[in-house]
Amino acid sequence: MPSLSPTRNFRLSSFQLFPIIFIAILILHAPLLRLPFFWDEAGFYVPAAWDLAHFHSLIPTTTMDTGHPPLPAAYLALWLGISGWKPAVARIAMLLVAAFGLTNVFLLARRVSSLGVAVASTIATALFPVVFVQSSLAHADLPAAAFTLWGIRLSVERRLWSSQLAFSLAVLSKETAVITPIALAAWELLISPESQAFSRKVRMALIRLIPVLPLALWLLYHHNVTGRFFGNADFYQYNVTYAVNPLRIMLAFGLRLWHLLGFMNMLALTAATVVAMWLPPVSDDGEERQRIAIPIQLKFAFIMLAHVVAFSIVGGALLTRYMLPAYPLVIVIGMSTLRRRVFRWEWPAAVIVICFALGLFFDPPYRIAPEDNLTYREFIQLHARAAHFLQEHEQGATVLTAWPATDELTRTYLGYTKQPVRVLKVENFTIEEILKARSMRNQYQVAYLFSTKYDHPTWFFSRLWDRFNVRYFDYHTDVQPELAASILEGKIVYLARAQAEWVAIVELEDPGTSAQNKNAGP
């Protein structure tokens, strides 16, 4: 990584920077653009865009109502409606949003530190596995994070009213984006070191809360249409009611800190930052290298803490993508610290970038979700090939399976099938659900089984922790395909594996034939 020092002669505007970043990440994501839609894309976000485009409904009708604001669905519906309902169209559209977010990372880092830190922070953010993967996935978290970063950058530049527009767009992308403006309002009122009258502090805090208004209007509209302020009962119970438990909140808080400071090789940057803090500042020509102003660092830390606390309380699944707005702040502070205290800081910065890049391809020694690195690509490819097999060999059959395969097989615009398949749904492939499926075996002819949890080998194993995962974080163990086929009294006709993920298609034997085989002697 070349050494870049701040200079007043080199000023790259956002209009020049944006296309450079977009082209760079488009090239990096090129092998992923044609992948069919994945998991929550297929289950919620793309169907919501479909409903908006075809039924002109801001609230989904053909999929679960999550209560999320409509801006991401409208954005996807615009692109897909014009260019065709193809995954590549949505992925390029999301890369444009990602490029906008990364542009703001660069401008923010350059504003608070230096050009070199801006370059390093932008590259590191783009290659951090969670950010890289989310950059082309059609989730609401990416536009919410991009607008939030825009708002933070405008706030640092003291463009107060413009920042409220940015935060309002973030909130209309996903309701949880309200965390940042609320955190900034609390900062202004309770913590801000700037000496000013209390009345002015209150005024500033109220201005910071302006983005709450569009969220309130959306919730009122949602209530007027559905009779509920939030998503349907199951969604609300899973993400709010189920999550509010004191022990779960404590465990989730620890996990969220790990997600922020250690997850997917972020520990390399955190450790390097801590070590660098023991070193004296480096001087160039007798002048100490600049640090990020302490009030700004504290404000960044307060925003990060607000995300850790908020997502320890709400959210049924501890998805790392919820923390997207906070990761760049960690990276900017870390890179700035390295530059200030390490003479050839470019070398440790380059090593950290390499660690992030490796995290895309190699699993860490602890549990992750497929969408935390490129494992999600293998999940999609396994499901696409299995869906193709079903279309070729099981035409007309009713297929027992679980979500998200139920949507993959029935919604042709998701990219898996050309004709919808009749499905019978079970919750997952635990032993309990497989036994339930056995009792319904006269209702289907084929079972499409797959790994619903990415359970790769880890270095850390604790029965107590596994019990906590099962009780509080929706963890379960799928029955292996051979055992499931035996219980269902069927024959595996298709089986494919990739690392710890698998798919299996089981043809059920005729109940009469199965009984004769059991009664026949050797």
Protein backbone atom coordinates (compact mmCIF):
# COMPACT_ATOMS: atom_id res chain seq x y z
CA MET A 1 0.00 0.00 0.00
CA PRO A 2 1.62 3.28 -1.08
CA SER A 3 2.39 5.97 1.40
CA LEU A 4 -0.02 8.83 1.00
CA SER A 5 0.34 12.05 2.90
CA PRO A 6 -2.31 14.74 3.11
CA THR A 7 -1.95 17.51 0.59
CA ARG A 8 -4.06 20.48 -0.27
CA ASN A 9 -3.22 20.16 -3.95
CA PHE A 10 -4.89 16.75 -4.34
CA ARG A 11 -8.64 16.95 -3.84
CA LEU A 12 -10.75 14.20 -5.34
CA SER A 13 -14.41 15.19 -5.34
CA SER A 14 -17.19 12.77 -4.52
CA PHE A 15 -18.37 12.94 -8.16
CA GLN A 16 -14.95 11.76 -9.31
CA LEU A 17 -14.52 9.24 -6.51
CA PHE A 18 -17.88 7.49 -6.78
CA PRO A 19 -17.39 5.99 -10.30
CA ILE A 20 -13.86 4.86 -9.42
CA ILE A 21 -15.11 2.98 -6.35
CA PHE A 22 -18.12 1.58 -8.21
CA ILE A 23 -16.04 0.21 -11.09
CA ALA A 24 -13.55 -1.33 -8.62
CA ILE A 25 -16.18 -3.17 -6.58
CA LEU A 26 -18.13 -4.12 -9.72
CA ILE A 27 -15.03 -5.90 -11.03
CA LEU A 28 -14.48 -7.64 -7.68
CA HIS A 29 -18.10 -8.78 -7.53
CA ALA A 30 -18.38 -9.78 -11.19
CA PRO A 31 -18.32 -13.57 -10.48
CA LEU A 32 -21.23 -13.14 -8.04
CA LEU A 33 -23.61 -11.02 -10.10
CA ARG A 34 -25.60 -13.85 -11.71
CA LEU A 35 -26.16 -15.83 -8.52
CA PRO A 36 -29.86 -16.36 -7.72
CA PHE A 37 -31.29 -14.55 -4.73
CA PHE A 38 -30.19 -15.78 -1.31
CA TRP A 39 -32.00 -16.41 1.98
CA ASP A 40 -33.67 -13.16 3.18
CA GLU A 41 -33.35 -11.71 -0.30
CA ALA A 42 -35.57 -14.52 -1.57
CA GLY A 43 -37.78 -14.61 1.51
CA PHE A 44 -38.53 -10.93 2.13
CA TYR A 45 -36.82 -8.16 0.22
CA VAL A 46 -37.18 -9.16 -3.43
CA PRO A 47 -40.80 -10.37 -2.99
CA ALA A 48 -41.56 -7.01 -1.34
CA ALA A 49 -40.19 -5.26 -4.42
CA TRP A 50 -42.25 -7.63 -6.62
CA ASP A 51 -45.44 -6.75 -4.73
CA LEU A 52 -44.69 -3.03 -5.03
CA ALA A 53 -44.01 -3.29 -8.77
CA HIS A 54 -46.98 -5.52 -9.62
CA PHE A 55 -49.63 -4.68 -7.02
CA HIS A 56 -48.50 -1.12 -6.16
CA SER A 57 -48.56 -2.06 -2.50
CA LEU A 58 -46.06 -0.52 -0.07
CA ILE A 59 -46.83 -3.37 2.33
CA PRO A 60 -46.01 -6.88 1.04
CA THR A 61 -48.94 -9.15 0.30
CA THR A 62 -47.30 -12.29 -1.09
CA THR A 63 -44.66 -12.62 1.63
CA MET A 64 -44.27 -11.93 5.33
CA ASP A 65 -44.95 -8.34 6.38
CA THR A 66 -41.78 -7.35 8.24
CA GLY A 67 -42.90 -3.78 8.81
CA HIS A 68 -39.71 -2.43 7.21
CA PRO A 69 -40.02 0.99 5.54
CA PRO A 70 -40.49 0.87 1.76
CA LEU A 71 -37.47 2.72 0.32
CA PRO A 72 -35.31 -0.37 -0.50
CA ALA A 73 -38.30 -2.16 -2.06
CA ALA A 74 -39.07 0.92 -4.15
CA TYR A 75 -35.44 1.17 -5.25
CA LEU A 76 -35.32 -2.50 -6.27
CA ALA A 77 -38.73 -2.34 -7.93
CA LEU A 78 -37.55 0.60 -10.05
CA TRP A 79 -34.42 -1.20 -11.25
CA LEU A 80 -36.01 -4.62 -11.71
CA GLY A 81 -39.14 -3.22 -13.30
CA ILE A 82 -37.11 -1.36 -15.92
CA SER A 83 -34.32 -3.86 -16.58
CA GLY A 84 -36.03 -7.19 -15.92
CA TRP A 85 -36.37 -9.43 -12.89
CA LYS A 86 -32.88 -10.85 -12.97
CA PRO A 87 -30.55 -11.19 -9.98
CA ALA A 88 -27.71 -9.42 -11.81
CA VAL A 89 -29.85 -6.28 -12.12
CA ALA A 90 -30.50 -6.16 -8.38
CA ARG A 91 -26.87 -6.89 -7.54
CA ILE A 92 -25.57 -4.06 -9.73
CA ALA A 93 -28.17 -1.75 -8.22
CA MET A 94 -26.96 -2.66 -4.72
CA LEU A 95 -23.33 -2.16 -5.75
CA LEU A 96 -24.23 1.41 -6.65
CA VAL A 97 -25.49 1.86 -3.09
CA ALA A 98 -22.35 0.21 -1.72
CA ALA A 99 -20.17 2.55 -3.78
CA PHE A 100 -22.09 5.50 -2.36
CA GLY A 101 -21.46 4.23 1.17
CA LEU A 102 -17.75 3.65 0.50
CA THR A 103 -17.46 7.12 -1.03
CA ASN A 104 -18.70 8.53 2.25
CA VAL A 105 -16.23 6.36 4.17
CA PHE A 106 -13.42 7.92 2.11
CA LEU A 107 -14.69 11.49 2.53
CA LEU A 108 -15.28 10.97 6.26
CA ALA A 109 -11.82 9.53 6.85
CA ARG A 110 -10.17 12.25 4.79
CA ARG A 111 -12.08 14.90 6.74
CA VAL A 112 -11.17 13.60 10.19
CA SER A 113 -7.67 12.31 9.41
CA SER A 114 -5.68 12.23 6.15
CA LEU A 115 -5.73 11.12 2.55
CA GLY A 116 -3.66 8.02 3.34
CA VAL A 117 -6.05 6.97 6.10
CA ALA A 118 -8.98 7.59 3.74
CA VAL A 119 -7.53 5.28 1.08
CA ALA A 120 -6.62 2.56 3.58
CA SER A 121 -9.98 2.77 5.37
CA THR A 122 -11.96 2.59 2.14
CA ILE A 123 -10.05 -0.42 0.84
CA ALA A 124 -10.26 -2.19 4.20
CA THR A 125 -14.00 -1.48 4.52
CA ALA A 126 -14.69 -2.70 0.99
CA LEU A 127 -12.83 -5.98 1.64
CA PHE A 128 -14.06 -6.61 5.19
CA PRO A 129 -16.01 -9.87 4.62
CA VAL A 130 -19.34 -8.76 6.08
CA VAL A 131 -19.31 -5.50 4.09
CA PHE A 132 -18.05 -7.16 0.89
CA VAL A 133 -20.81 -9.78 0.88
CA GLN A 134 -23.59 -7.33 1.77
CA SER A 135 -22.46 -4.97 -1.00
CA SER A 136 -24.22 -7.03 -3.67
CA LEU A 137 -27.06 -8.58 -1.63
CA ALA A 138 -30.53 -7.04 -1.81
CA HIS A 139 -30.97 -6.47 1.92
CA ALA A 140 -32.30 -3.29 3.51
CA ASP A 141 -29.25 -3.06 5.76
CA LEU A 142 -26.94 -1.82 2.99
CA PRO A 143 -28.90 1.32 1.96
CA ALA A 144 -29.57 2.06 5.65
CA ALA A 145 -25.82 1.87 6.36
CA ALA A 146 -24.87 3.93 3.27
CA PHE A 147 -27.25 6.75 4.17
CA THR A 148 -26.17 6.56 7.82
CA LEU A 149 -22.51 6.97 6.86
CA TRP A 150 -23.50 9.90 4.66
CA GLY A 151 -25.29 11.43 7.62
CA ILE A 152 -22.31 10.90 9.95
CA ARG A 153 -19.98 12.49 7.40
CA LEU A 154 -22.26 15.52 6.96
CA SER A 155 -22.59 15.81 10.73
CA VAL A 156 -18.81 15.87 11.15
CA GLU A 157 -18.68 18.57 8.47
CA ARG A 158 -21.21 20.52 10.58
CA ARG A 159 -23.83 20.41 7.82
CA LEU A 160 -26.59 19.86 10.33
CA TRP A 161 -29.71 20.06 8.16
CA SER A 162 -28.23 18.08 5.29
CA SER A 163 -27.28 15.35 7.73
CA GLN A 164 -30.90 15.11 8.88
CA LEU A 165 -31.96 14.44 5.28
CA ALA A 166 -29.38 11.66 5.05
CA PHE A 167 -30.48 10.11 8.34
CA SER A 168 -34.14 10.37 7.28
CA LEU A 169 -33.37 8.38 4.12
CA ALA A 170 -31.54 5.83 6.29
CA VAL A 171 -34.58 5.48 8.55
CA LEU A 172 -36.85 5.05 5.52
CA SER A 173 -34.55 2.23 4.42
CA LYS A 174 -34.74 0.37 7.72
CA GLU A 175 -36.30 1.41 11.00
CA THR A 176 -33.25 0.42 13.05
CA ALA A 177 -31.25 3.19 11.35
CA VAL A 178 -32.91 5.49 13.88
CA ILE A 179 -30.23 4.30 16.32
CA THR A 180 -27.63 6.77 15.00
CA PRO A 181 -29.72 9.99 15.14
CA ILE A 182 -30.99 9.04 18.59
CA ALA A 183 -27.41 8.40 19.70
CA LEU A 184 -26.31 11.78 18.32
CA ALA A 185 -29.23 13.49 20.06
CA ALA A 186 -28.24 11.85 23.35
CA TRP A 187 -24.65 12.90 22.72
CA GLU A 188 -25.66 16.54 22.20
CA LEU A 189 -27.80 16.58 25.31
CA LEU A 190 -25.76 14.56 27.79
CA ILE A 191 -22.14 14.15 26.74
CA SER A 192 -21.06 16.79 24.23
CA PRO A 193 -17.95 18.54 25.62
CA GLU A 194 -18.77 21.78 23.84
CA SER A 195 -19.76 24.46 26.33
CA GLN A 196 -23.14 25.90 25.42
CA ALA A 197 -26.38 26.82 27.11
CA PHE A 198 -28.68 23.97 28.07
CA SER A 199 -31.45 25.45 25.91
CA ARG A 200 -29.13 25.25 22.88
CA LYS A 201 -28.27 21.65 23.76
CA VAL A 202 -31.98 20.81 23.83
CA ARG A 203 -32.52 22.55 20.49
CA MET A 204 -29.64 20.64 18.90
CA ALA A 205 -30.91 17.36 20.33
CA LEU A 206 -34.40 18.00 18.91
CA ILE A 207 -32.94 18.74 15.48
CA ARG A 208 -31.01 15.48 15.67
CA LEU A 209 -34.30 13.69 16.29
CA ILE A 210 -35.92 14.96 13.07
CA PRO A 211 -35.38 11.57 11.32
CA VAL A 212 -37.76 10.03 13.86
CA LEU A 213 -40.62 11.91 12.14
CA PRO A 214 -40.58 10.04 8.79
CA LEU A 215 -40.34 6.77 10.71
CA ALA A 216 -43.36 7.78 12.81
CA LEU A 217 -45.31 8.64 9.64
CA TRP A 218 -44.46 5.25 8.15
CA LEU A 219 -45.53 3.43 11.30
CA LEU A 220 -48.82 5.36 11.35
CA TYR A 221 -49.42 4.47 7.71
CA HIS A 222 -48.57 0.83 8.38
CA HIS A 223 -50.97 0.78 11.33
CA ASN A 224 -53.71 2.40 9.27
CA VAL A 225 -53.41 -0.31 6.60
CA THR A 226 -52.73 -3.39 8.72
CA GLY A 227 -53.88 -2.51 12.23
CA ARG A 228 -50.29 -3.08 13.45
CA PHE A 229 -47.44 -0.65 13.95
CA PHE A 230 -44.80 -3.28 13.23
CA GLY A 231 -44.54 -6.51 11.21
CA ASN A 232 -46.86 -9.47 11.61
CA ALA A 233 -47.15 -11.25 14.94
CA ASP A 234 -44.54 -13.93 14.23
CA PHE A 235 -41.97 -11.40 13.00
CA TYR A 236 -42.53 -9.07 15.96
CA GLN A 237 -42.41 -11.89 18.50
CA TYR A 238 -39.18 -13.30 17.07
CA ASN A 239 -37.34 -9.98 16.82
CA VAL A 240 -38.68 -8.10 19.85
CA THR A 241 -40.75 -10.05 22.38
CA TYR A 242 -38.65 -13.21 22.16
CA ALA A 243 -35.41 -11.21 22.33
CA VAL A 244 -36.18 -9.22 25.48
CA ASN A 245 -34.75 -11.47 28.18
CA PRO A 246 -32.12 -10.27 30.69
CA LEU A 247 -29.76 -13.24 30.25
CA ARG A 248 -30.14 -13.18 26.48
CA ILE A 249 -29.39 -9.46 26.41
CA MET A 250 -26.19 -10.00 28.41
CA LEU A 251 -25.05 -12.81 26.13
CA ALA A 252 -26.00 -10.85 23.03
CA PHE A 253 -24.07 -7.80 24.30
CA GLY A 254 -20.90 -9.87 24.53
CA LEU A 255 -21.48 -11.34 21.07
CA ARG A 256 -22.14 -7.91 19.59
CA LEU A 257 -18.88 -6.58 21.02
CA TRP A 258 -17.13 -9.54 19.43
CA HIS A 259 -18.90 -8.88 16.13
CA LEU A 260 -17.73 -5.27 16.21
CA LEU A 261 -14.13 -5.69 17.37
CA GLY A 262 -13.09 -9.28 16.64
CA PHE A 263 -15.28 -10.97 14.05
CA MET A 264 -13.98 -12.09 10.63
CA ASN A 265 -10.40 -10.96 11.29
CA MET A 266 -11.40 -7.56 12.69
CA LEU A 267 -9.40 -8.77 15.70
CA ALA A 268 -6.23 -8.13 13.65
CA LEU A 269 -7.08 -4.43 13.39
CA THR A 270 -8.23 -4.19 17.01
CA ALA A 271 -5.05 -5.86 18.29
CA ALA A 272 -2.84 -3.70 16.06
CA THR A 273 -4.61 -0.57 17.30
CA VAL A 274 -4.16 -1.54 20.96
CA VAL A 275 -0.46 -2.31 20.44
CA ALA A 276 0.06 0.94 18.53
CA MET A 277 -1.40 2.92 21.43
CA TRP A 278 1.66 1.93 23.51
CA LEU A 279 3.93 3.61 20.98
CA PRO A 280 4.73 7.33 20.99
CA PRO A 281 3.35 9.46 18.14
CA VAL A 282 5.56 9.64 15.05
CA SER A 283 6.96 13.05 14.11
CA ASP A 284 7.44 14.22 10.53
CA ASP A 285 9.85 17.15 10.24
CA GLY A 286 9.48 17.80 13.95
CA GLU A 287 5.66 17.80 13.87
CA GLU A 288 3.58 14.98 15.37
CA ARG A 289 1.27 13.19 13.00
CA GLN A 290 -2.31 14.27 13.36
CA ARG A 291 -4.86 12.25 15.31
CA ILE A 292 -8.62 12.22 14.90
CA ALA A 293 -9.94 14.89 17.25
CA ILE A 294 -10.81 13.31 20.60
CA PRO A 295 -14.45 14.59 20.58
CA ILE A 296 -14.97 12.99 17.16
CA GLN A 297 -13.44 9.71 18.31
CA LEU A 298 -15.69 9.73 21.36
CA LYS A 299 -18.71 10.47 19.19
CA PHE A 300 -17.80 7.55 16.91
CA ALA A 301 -17.41 5.31 19.98
CA PHE A 302 -20.80 6.44 21.27
CA ILE A 303 -22.47 5.56 17.95
CA MET A 304 -20.78 2.14 17.98
CA LEU A 305 -21.87 1.52 21.58
CA ALA A 306 -25.43 2.50 20.68
CA HIS A 307 -25.46 -0.15 17.94
CA VAL A 308 -24.04 -2.80 20.27
CA VAL A 309 -26.65 -2.05 22.95
CA ALA A 310 -29.61 -1.70 20.58
CA PHE A 311 -28.89 -4.92 18.70
CA SER A 312 -28.37 -6.77 21.96
CA ILE A 313 -31.98 -5.97 22.85
CA VAL A 314 -33.77 -6.37 19.51
CA GLY A 315 -33.27 -8.82 16.67
CA GLY A 316 -34.02 -12.51 17.00
CA ALA A 317 -30.98 -13.58 15.00
CA LEU A 318 -27.65 -11.90 15.78
CA LEU A 319 -26.92 -11.14 12.13
CA THR A 320 -23.66 -9.29 11.62
CA ARG A 321 -25.12 -7.20 8.81
CA TYR A 322 -27.07 -5.23 11.42
CA MET A 323 -23.74 -3.70 12.46
CA LEU A 324 -22.85 -2.42 8.98
CA PRO A 325 -22.88 1.31 9.89
CA ALA A 326 -20.43 0.73 12.77
CA TYR A 327 -17.71 -1.29 11.04
CA PRO A 328 -16.29 1.63 9.01
CA LEU A 329 -15.98 3.72 12.18
CA VAL A 330 -13.84 1.01 13.81
CA ILE A 331 -11.71 0.81 10.69
CA VAL A 332 -11.21 4.59 10.36
CA ILE A 333 -10.14 4.94 14.00
CA GLY A 334 -7.83 1.92 13.72
CA MET A 335 -6.14 3.09 10.52
CA SER A 336 -5.71 6.61 11.90
CA THR A 337 -4.09 5.23 15.05
CA LEU A 338 -1.67 3.13 13.02
CA ARG A 339 -0.70 6.13 10.89
CA ARG A 340 -0.13 8.31 13.94
CA ARG A 341 1.99 5.86 15.91
CA VAL A 342 3.73 3.54 13.42
CA PHE A 343 6.42 5.04 11.17
CA ARG A 344 5.78 2.73 8.20
CA TRP A 345 2.13 2.28 9.03
CA GLU A 346 1.33 1.19 5.47
CA TRP A 347 2.75 -2.29 6.18
CA PRO A 348 0.48 -3.24 9.11
CA ALA A 349 -2.42 -1.62 7.24
CA ALA A 350 -1.67 -3.80 4.22
CA VAL A 351 -1.49 -6.92 6.42
CA ILE A 352 -4.90 -6.09 7.89
CA VAL A 353 -6.39 -5.65 4.41
CA ILE A 354 -4.94 -9.04 3.43
CA CYS A 355 -6.46 -10.61 6.57
CA PHE A 356 -9.86 -9.21 5.59
CA ALA A 357 -9.48 -10.56 2.05
CA LEU A 358 -8.51 -14.01 3.35
CA GLY A 359 -11.58 -13.99 5.58
CA LEU A 360 -13.72 -14.01 2.45
CA PHE A 361 -12.42 -17.44 1.45
CA PHE A 362 -11.41 -19.18 4.70
CA ASP A 363 -13.74 -19.88 7.59
CA PRO A 364 -12.65 -18.80 11.07
CA PRO A 365 -12.47 -21.29 13.97
CA TYR A 366 -15.89 -20.28 15.30
CA ARG A 367 -19.45 -20.36 14.03
CA ILE A 368 -20.49 -17.98 11.28
CA ALA A 369 -23.50 -17.57 9.02
CA PRO A 370 -23.07 -18.28 5.29
CA GLU A 371 -23.58 -14.57 4.53
CA ASP A 372 -20.58 -13.59 6.67
CA ASN A 373 -18.19 -14.53 3.87
CA LEU A 374 -18.33 -16.16 0.43
CA THR A 375 -19.84 -19.34 1.89
CA TYR A 376 -23.21 -17.94 0.79
CA ARG A 377 -22.14 -18.49 -2.83
CA GLU A 378 -21.79 -22.23 -2.22
CA PHE A 379 -25.20 -22.31 -0.53
CA ILE A 380 -26.79 -20.69 -3.60
CA GLN A 381 -24.99 -22.97 -6.05
CA LEU A 382 -26.04 -26.09 -4.14
CA HIS A 383 -29.67 -24.96 -4.12
CA ALA A 384 -29.63 -23.90 -7.78
CA ARG A 385 -28.34 -27.33 -8.88
CA ALA A 386 -30.85 -29.11 -6.64
CA ALA A 387 -33.72 -27.03 -8.05
CA HIS A 388 -32.56 -27.87 -11.57
CA PHE A 389 -32.55 -31.59 -10.68
CA LEU A 390 -36.10 -31.32 -9.35
CA GLN A 391 -37.26 -29.59 -12.53
CA GLU A 392 -35.63 -32.26 -14.68
CA HIS A 393 -36.50 -35.42 -12.74
CA GLU A 394 -39.43 -34.74 -10.41
CA GLN A 395 -41.91 -32.89 -12.59
CA GLY A 396 -45.42 -32.80 -11.15
CA ALA A 397 -44.35 -34.02 -7.73
CA THR A 398 -45.23 -32.29 -4.48
CA VAL A 399 -41.98 -31.48 -2.67
CA LEU A 400 -41.58 -31.32 1.09
CA THR A 401 -39.00 -28.74 2.10
CA ALA A 402 -38.29 -25.79 4.40
CA TRP A 403 -37.81 -22.06 3.96
CA PRO A 404 -36.09 -20.54 1.99
CA ALA A 405 -36.32 -23.42 -0.50
CA THR A 406 -40.11 -23.09 -0.38
CA ASP A 407 -39.75 -19.64 -1.94
CA GLU A 408 -36.92 -20.68 -4.26
CA LEU A 409 -39.15 -23.37 -5.81
CA THR A 410 -42.37 -21.35 -6.03
CA ARG A 411 -41.18 -17.86 -7.08
CA THR A 412 -39.67 -18.17 -10.53
CA TYR A 413 -38.28 -14.61 -10.52
CA LEU A 414 -35.79 -15.58 -7.80
CA GLY A 415 -33.65 -17.39 -10.38
CA TYR A 416 -33.92 -21.05 -9.31
CA THR A 417 -36.77 -22.50 -11.37
CA LYS A 418 -38.51 -21.81 -14.67
CA GLN A 419 -41.83 -23.28 -13.51
CA PRO A 420 -43.24 -23.16 -9.95
CA VAL A 421 -43.13 -26.36 -7.93
CA ARG A 422 -45.81 -27.55 -5.52
CA VAL A 423 -44.36 -27.57 -2.00
CA LEU A 424 -45.28 -28.72 1.48
CA LYS A 425 -43.52 -26.74 4.19
CA VAL A 426 -41.81 -27.84 7.40
CA GLU A 427 -39.94 -25.49 9.74
CA ASN A 428 -36.50 -27.08 9.43
CA PHE A 429 -34.86 -30.52 9.39
CA THR A 430 -34.44 -31.26 13.08
CA ILE A 431 -35.42 -34.69 14.28
CA GLU A 432 -38.77 -33.34 15.50
CA GLU A 433 -39.64 -31.86 12.10
CA ILE A 434 -38.48 -34.98 10.24
CA LEU A 435 -40.76 -37.13 12.41
CA LYS A 436 -43.61 -34.70 11.69
CA ALA A 437 -42.83 -35.00 7.98
CA ARG A 438 -42.97 -38.78 8.27
CA SER A 439 -46.51 -38.55 9.62
CA MET A 440 -47.50 -36.53 6.52
CA ARG A 441 -45.76 -38.75 3.95
CA ASN A 442 -48.97 -39.35 2.00
CA GLN A 443 -49.09 -35.61 1.13
CA TYR A 444 -45.84 -35.44 -0.86
CA GLN A 445 -43.69 -37.61 -3.11
CA VAL A 446 -40.27 -35.99 -2.77
CA ALA A 447 -38.37 -34.42 0.12
CA TYR A 448 -35.88 -31.66 -0.61
CA LEU A 449 -33.56 -31.53 2.43
CA PHE A 450 -30.70 -29.13 3.07
CA SER A 451 -28.53 -27.73 5.82
CA THR A 452 -30.41 -24.81 7.39
CA LYS A 453 -27.49 -23.98 9.71
CA TYR A 454 -23.86 -23.66 8.68
CA ASP A 455 -22.37 -26.01 11.26
CA HIS A 456 -18.70 -26.21 10.27
CA PRO A 457 -16.06 -27.59 12.69
CA THR A 458 -14.89 -25.08 15.30
CA TRP A 459 -12.07 -24.86 17.79
CA PHE A 460 -14.40 -23.87 20.57
CA PHE A 461 -17.01 -26.25 21.90
CA SER A 462 -19.18 -25.86 24.95
CA ARG A 463 -22.31 -27.77 25.72
CA LEU A 464 -23.50 -24.91 27.92
CA TRP A 465 -22.97 -22.41 25.11
CA ASP A 466 -24.80 -24.70 22.67
CA ARG A 467 -27.74 -24.81 25.07
CA PHE A 468 -27.74 -20.99 25.20
CA ASN A 469 -27.62 -20.89 21.41
CA VAL A 470 -30.60 -23.22 21.14
CA ARG A 471 -32.62 -21.37 23.76
CA TYR A 472 -31.88 -17.75 22.88
CA PHE A 473 -30.45 -17.54 19.35
CA ASP A 474 -32.55 -19.93 17.26
CA TYR A 475 -29.82 -22.50 16.87
CA HIS A 476 -30.69 -26.10 15.99
CA THR A 477 -29.04 -29.18 14.51
CA ASP A 478 -30.26 -30.62 11.24
CA VAL A 479 -30.58 -34.37 10.83
CA GLN A 480 -28.00 -35.71 8.38
CA PRO A 481 -29.52 -36.64 4.99
CA GLU A 482 -28.90 -40.38 5.28
CA LEU A 483 -30.71 -40.58 8.62
CA ALA A 484 -33.52 -38.34 7.39
CA ALA A 485 -34.03 -40.56 4.33
CA SER A 486 -34.17 -43.63 6.55
CA ILE A 487 -36.77 -42.05 8.84
CA LEU A 488 -38.86 -40.93 5.87
CA GLU A 489 -38.52 -44.40 4.32
CA GLY A 490 -37.17 -42.94 1.13
CA LYS A 491 -34.19 -43.17 -1.20
CA ILE A 492 -31.63 -40.43 -1.77
CA VAL A 493 -31.53 -39.77 -5.51
CA TYR A 494 -29.44 -36.60 -5.35
CA LEU A 495 -26.84 -35.56 -2.78
CA ALA A 496 -24.32 -32.73 -3.00
CA ARG A 497 -21.99 -31.25 -0.39
CA ALA A 498 -19.76 -28.20 -0.12
CA GLN A 499 -17.77 -27.90 3.10
CA ALA A 500 -20.36 -28.11 5.91
CA GLU A 501 -23.36 -27.44 3.64
CA TRP A 502 -25.39 -30.07 1.83
CA VAL A 503 -28.56 -30.66 -0.15
CA ALA A 504 -30.36 -33.97 -0.67
CA ILE A 505 -33.39 -35.02 -2.68
CA VAL A 506 -35.22 -38.04 -1.33
CA GLU A 507 -37.83 -39.99 -3.27
CA LEU A 508 -40.36 -41.64 -1.02
CA GLU A 509 -41.02 -45.30 -1.45
CA ASP A 510 -44.59 -46.45 -1.88
CA PRO A 511 -45.93 -47.17 1.63
CA GLY A 512 -47.15 -50.61 0.54
CA THR A 513 -43.79 -51.52 -0.99
CA SER A 514 -42.02 -50.29 2.13
CA ALA A 515 -44.19 -52.46 4.37
CA GLN A 516 -43.57 -55.55 2.20
CA ASN A 517 -39.82 -54.97 2.33
CA LYS A 518 -39.92 -54.73 6.11
CA ASN A 519 -41.96 -57.93 6.46
CA ALA A 520 -39.81 -59.90 4.01
CA GLY A 521 -37.29 -62.20 5.62
CA PRO A 522 -33.63 -62.46 4.60
